[in-house]
Amino acid sequence: MGVTMKALKVMGTIDEKGQLTLDQPLIADKNSRVEVIVLISEETDQDDTSQTEILADFRQAWHEAMTGQTIPVAQLWESLDND
């Protein structure tokens, strides 16, 4: 039996401790496991990223998540701390 996932789009804020706080509570079964993909906006001098490019990046990230091509968050934080 496979696992099916439903995508929800929500906005949130990462605080000074690196904790993610959602702007609104999720409407989902309580105590459910979730997989989180975080898209962080980067301010640039000129916003030359098209919606098509953003959508393509999201589709790639979603494909990687659905096919198990992910890394643990702890490993991600370790790599950021070492920069």
Protein backbone atom coordinates (compact mmCIF):
# COMPACT_ATOMS: atom_id res chain seq x y z
CA MET A 1 0.00 0.00 0.00
CA GLY A 2 1.52 3.36 -1.07
CA VAL A 3 1.43 6.63 0.79
CA THR A 4 -0.56 9.41 -0.83
CA MET A 5 0.21 13.01 -0.04
CA LYS A 6 -1.83 16.16 -0.40
CA ALA A 7 -0.13 19.49 -1.09
CA LEU A 8 -1.05 22.57 0.94
CA LYS A 9 0.37 26.01 0.27
CA VAL A 10 0.84 28.13 3.38
CA MET A 11 2.99 31.11 4.26
CA GLY A 12 5.11 31.41 7.36
CA THR A 13 8.10 33.07 8.96
CA ILE A 14 11.44 31.69 10.08
CA ASP A 15 12.46 33.32 13.38
CA GLU A 16 15.93 34.09 14.73
CA LYS A 17 16.16 30.54 16.14
CA GLY A 18 15.40 28.96 12.75
CA GLN A 19 11.94 27.87 13.82
CA LEU A 20 9.16 27.98 11.22
CA THR A 21 5.86 29.58 12.30
CA LEU A 22 2.91 29.34 9.94
CA ASP A 23 0.69 32.39 9.42
CA GLN A 24 -2.41 30.24 9.91
CA PRO A 25 -3.06 26.80 11.42
CA LEU A 26 -3.16 23.88 9.01
CA ILE A 27 -6.53 22.35 8.27
CA ALA A 28 -5.52 18.69 8.45
CA ASP A 29 -5.76 15.64 10.65
CA LYS A 30 -4.05 16.39 13.95
CA ASN A 31 -0.92 14.44 14.92
CA SER A 32 -0.19 13.64 11.25
CA ARG A 33 3.34 13.26 9.89
CA VAL A 34 4.13 15.83 7.22
CA GLU A 35 6.90 16.46 4.74
CA VAL A 36 7.85 20.11 4.41
CA ILE A 37 9.33 21.83 1.37
CA VAL A 38 10.44 25.38 2.19
CA LEU A 39 10.74 27.96 -0.57
CA ILE A 40 12.68 30.98 0.69
CA SER A 41 12.38 34.22 -1.23
CA GLU A 42 15.68 35.94 -1.85
CA GLU A 43 15.71 39.67 -2.34
CA THR A 44 17.69 40.76 -5.36
CA ASP A 45 18.40 44.12 -6.95
CA GLN A 46 16.18 43.18 -9.83
CA ASP A 47 13.40 40.64 -9.84
CA ASP A 48 14.18 38.82 -13.05
CA THR A 49 12.86 35.43 -11.93
CA SER A 50 9.78 34.65 -13.96
CA GLN A 51 6.75 32.78 -12.69
CA THR A 52 7.65 30.04 -15.16
CA GLU A 53 11.09 29.61 -13.57
CA ILE A 54 9.61 29.61 -10.06
CA LEU A 55 7.02 27.02 -11.05
CA ALA A 56 9.71 24.86 -12.69
CA ASP A 57 11.82 25.03 -9.49
CA PHE A 58 8.81 24.02 -7.39
CA ARG A 59 7.94 21.14 -9.72
CA GLN A 60 11.54 19.89 -9.50
CA ALA A 61 11.48 20.13 -5.68
CA TRP A 62 8.12 18.35 -5.55
CA HIS A 63 9.38 15.56 -7.84
CA GLU A 64 12.47 15.11 -5.65
CA ALA A 65 10.34 14.97 -2.52
CA MET A 66 7.93 12.43 -4.02
CA THR A 67 10.76 10.18 -5.24
CA GLY A 68 12.68 10.26 -1.95
CA GLN A 69 15.53 12.43 -3.22
CA THR A 70 15.67 14.44 0.00
CA ILE A 71 18.15 15.03 2.81
CA PRO A 72 17.41 15.33 6.54
CA VAL A 73 16.95 18.91 7.78
CA ALA A 74 19.68 18.36 10.39
CA GLN A 75 22.15 17.64 7.58
CA LEU A 76 21.03 20.81 5.76
CA TRP A 77 21.55 22.94 8.89
CA GLU A 78 25.00 21.37 9.42
CA SER A 79 26.03 22.33 5.89
CA LEU A 80 24.78 25.90 6.41
CA ASP A 81 26.64 26.21 9.74
CA ASN A 82 29.88 25.16 8.06
CA ASP A 83 29.79 27.94 5.44
